[in-house]
Amino acid sequence: MDKHEAVREAAAAVLEHGGPECRTDPRDPLGAMGRAYDAGATSDDIHAEMARQRQS
C-alpha cells in the first residue's frame, strides 16, 4: 500500500468511526492511522484527506 492509499484508508476509517459515537471498533481507525504513518504520512495529510472526503 502506498502513502496515498494509506492516507485515504485512514481518513475513511476515522470518519466511519464517528469520534465519540464509537460506531466501529476503536482499533480499526488506530490501525489504519498506524499504517498511514508507517507509509510516511503525517497527521496533516490525514486531516486534509478527511476534509476532502467530508466534502465529497
N, C-alpha and C. Protein backbone atom coordinates (compact mmCIF):
# COMPACT_ATOMS: atom_id res chain seq x y z
N MET A 1 0.86 -1.16 0.00
CA MET A 1 0.00 0.00 0.00
C MET A 1 0.91 1.24 0.00
N ASP A 2 0.63 2.16 -0.91
CA ASP A 2 1.45 3.37 -0.93
C ASP A 2 0.88 4.42 0.04
N LYS A 3 1.60 5.50 0.19
CA LYS A 3 1.24 6.53 1.15
C LYS A 3 -0.16 7.09 0.87
N HIS A 4 -0.44 7.38 -0.39
CA HIS A 4 -1.74 7.97 -0.74
C HIS A 4 -2.89 7.02 -0.38
N GLU A 5 -2.75 5.75 -0.71
CA GLU A 5 -3.78 4.77 -0.37
C GLU A 5 -3.95 4.64 1.14
N ALA A 6 -2.84 4.65 1.86
CA ALA A 6 -2.89 4.53 3.31
C ALA A 6 -3.58 5.73 3.94
N VAL A 7 -3.32 6.92 3.40
CA VAL A 7 -3.98 8.13 3.92
C VAL A 7 -5.48 8.06 3.66
N ARG A 8 -5.88 7.65 2.46
CA ARG A 8 -7.31 7.53 2.15
C ARG A 8 -7.98 6.53 3.08
N GLU A 9 -7.33 5.39 3.31
CA GLU A 9 -7.88 4.37 4.20
C GLU A 9 -8.03 4.91 5.63
N ALA A 10 -7.00 5.59 6.12
CA ALA A 10 -7.03 6.11 7.49
C ALA A 10 -8.13 7.15 7.64
N ALA A 11 -8.24 8.06 6.69
CA ALA A 11 -9.27 9.10 6.77
C ALA A 11 -10.67 8.48 6.76
N ALA A 12 -10.88 7.52 5.89
CA ALA A 12 -12.19 6.86 5.82
C ALA A 12 -12.49 6.12 7.12
N ALA A 13 -11.50 5.46 7.68
CA ALA A 13 -11.71 4.71 8.93
C ALA A 13 -12.04 5.64 10.08
N VAL A 14 -11.36 6.78 10.15
CA VAL A 14 -11.63 7.73 11.23
C VAL A 14 -13.04 8.32 11.08
N LEU A 15 -13.40 8.69 9.86
CA LEU A 15 -14.74 9.25 9.64
C LEU A 15 -15.83 8.21 9.91
N GLU A 16 -15.59 6.98 9.51
CA GLU A 16 -16.56 5.92 9.75
C GLU A 16 -16.73 5.65 11.24
N HIS A 17 -15.63 5.77 11.99
CA HIS A 17 -15.68 5.52 13.43
C HIS A 17 -16.61 6.50 14.13
N GLY A 18 -16.64 7.75 13.69
CA GLY A 18 -17.59 8.71 14.23
C GLY A 18 -17.19 9.38 15.52
N GLY A 19 -15.93 9.35 15.88
CA GLY A 19 -15.47 10.04 17.10
C GLY A 19 -16.12 9.48 18.33
N PRO A 20 -16.72 10.34 19.16
CA PRO A 20 -17.30 9.89 20.43
C PRO A 20 -18.45 8.90 20.26
N GLU A 21 -19.04 8.84 19.06
CA GLU A 21 -20.14 7.90 18.85
C GLU A 21 -19.65 6.46 18.82
N CYS A 22 -18.36 6.24 18.53
CA CYS A 22 -17.74 4.91 18.50
C CYS A 22 -18.59 3.91 17.73
N ARG A 23 -18.82 4.21 16.45
CA ARG A 23 -19.63 3.31 15.62
C ARG A 23 -18.86 2.08 15.16
N THR A 24 -17.54 2.09 15.29
CA THR A 24 -16.73 0.93 14.92
C THR A 24 -15.76 0.64 16.05
N ASP A 25 -15.10 -0.47 15.95
CA ASP A 25 -14.08 -0.84 16.94
C ASP A 25 -12.96 0.21 16.88
N PRO A 26 -12.58 0.80 18.01
CA PRO A 26 -11.54 1.84 18.01
C PRO A 26 -10.20 1.38 17.44
N ARG A 27 -9.96 0.09 17.43
CA ARG A 27 -8.70 -0.41 16.87
C ARG A 27 -8.65 -0.25 15.36
N ASP A 28 -9.82 -0.17 14.71
CA ASP A 28 -9.84 -0.05 13.24
C ASP A 28 -9.19 1.26 12.78
N PRO A 29 -9.66 2.43 13.25
CA PRO A 29 -9.01 3.66 12.80
C PRO A 29 -7.57 3.79 13.30
N LEU A 30 -7.30 3.29 14.49
CA LEU A 30 -5.93 3.37 15.00
C LEU A 30 -4.98 2.53 14.15
N GLY A 31 -5.42 1.37 13.75
CA GLY A 31 -4.59 0.52 12.90
C GLY A 31 -4.37 1.17 11.54
N ALA A 32 -5.43 1.75 10.97
CA ALA A 32 -5.31 2.42 9.68
C ALA A 32 -4.39 3.63 9.77
N MET A 33 -4.50 4.37 10.85
CA MET A 33 -3.61 5.52 11.02
C MET A 33 -2.17 5.06 11.19
N GLY A 34 -1.96 3.99 11.91
CA GLY A 34 -0.61 3.45 12.07
C GLY A 34 0.01 3.06 10.74
N ARG A 35 -0.80 2.43 9.87
CA ARG A 35 -0.30 2.06 8.55
C ARG A 35 0.03 3.30 7.73
N ALA A 36 -0.79 4.35 7.85
CA ALA A 36 -0.51 5.59 7.13
C ALA A 36 0.78 6.24 7.62
N TYR A 37 0.96 6.26 8.94
CA TYR A 37 2.20 6.83 9.49
C TYR A 37 3.41 5.99 9.05
N ASP A 38 3.25 4.68 9.04
CA ASP A 38 4.34 3.82 8.59
C ASP A 38 4.70 4.06 7.13
N ALA A 39 3.70 4.49 6.34
CA ALA A 39 3.91 4.76 4.92
C ALA A 39 4.49 6.16 4.69
N GLY A 40 4.67 6.93 5.78
CA GLY A 40 5.29 8.24 5.66
C GLY A 40 4.32 9.41 5.74
N ALA A 41 3.06 9.14 6.05
CA ALA A 41 2.07 10.21 6.15
C ALA A 41 2.22 10.97 7.46
N THR A 42 1.68 12.16 7.48
CA THR A 42 1.63 12.97 8.70
C THR A 42 0.17 13.13 9.11
N SER A 43 -0.04 13.61 10.32
CA SER A 43 -1.42 13.86 10.75
C SER A 43 -2.06 14.93 9.87
N ASP A 44 -1.28 15.88 9.38
CA ASP A 44 -1.82 16.89 8.47
C ASP A 44 -2.32 16.25 7.18
N ASP A 45 -1.61 15.25 6.67
CA ASP A 45 -2.05 14.53 5.47
C ASP A 45 -3.41 13.88 5.71
N ILE A 46 -3.55 13.24 6.86
CA ILE A 46 -4.80 12.54 7.18
C ILE A 46 -5.92 13.54 7.39
N HIS A 47 -5.66 14.64 8.09
CA HIS A 47 -6.69 15.66 8.31
C HIS A 47 -7.16 16.26 6.99
N ALA A 48 -6.24 16.53 6.09
CA ALA A 48 -6.59 17.10 4.78
C ALA A 48 -7.46 16.12 4.00
N GLU A 49 -7.12 14.84 4.05
CA GLU A 49 -7.92 13.84 3.34
C GLU A 49 -9.28 13.68 3.98
N MET A 50 -9.36 13.79 5.30
CA MET A 50 -10.68 13.72 5.97
C MET A 50 -11.55 14.89 5.50
N ALA A 51 -10.98 16.07 5.40
CA ALA A 51 -11.74 17.24 4.93
C ALA A 51 -12.21 17.01 3.50
N ARG A 52 -11.34 16.45 2.66
CA ARG A 52 -11.71 16.19 1.27
C ARG A 52 -12.85 15.17 1.19
N GLN A 53 -12.77 14.13 2.00
CA GLN A 53 -13.81 13.10 1.99
C GLN A 53 -15.13 13.62 2.53
N ARG A 54 -15.09 14.52 3.48
CA ARG A 54 -16.33 15.11 4.01
C ARG A 54 -17.05 15.93 2.93
N GLN A 55 -16.28 16.58 2.07
CA GLN A 55 -16.87 17.41 1.02
C GLN A 55 -17.47 16.58 -0.10
N SER A 56 -17.01 15.35 -0.26
CA SER A 56 -17.49 14.51 -1.37
C SER A 56 -18.85 13.95 -1.10
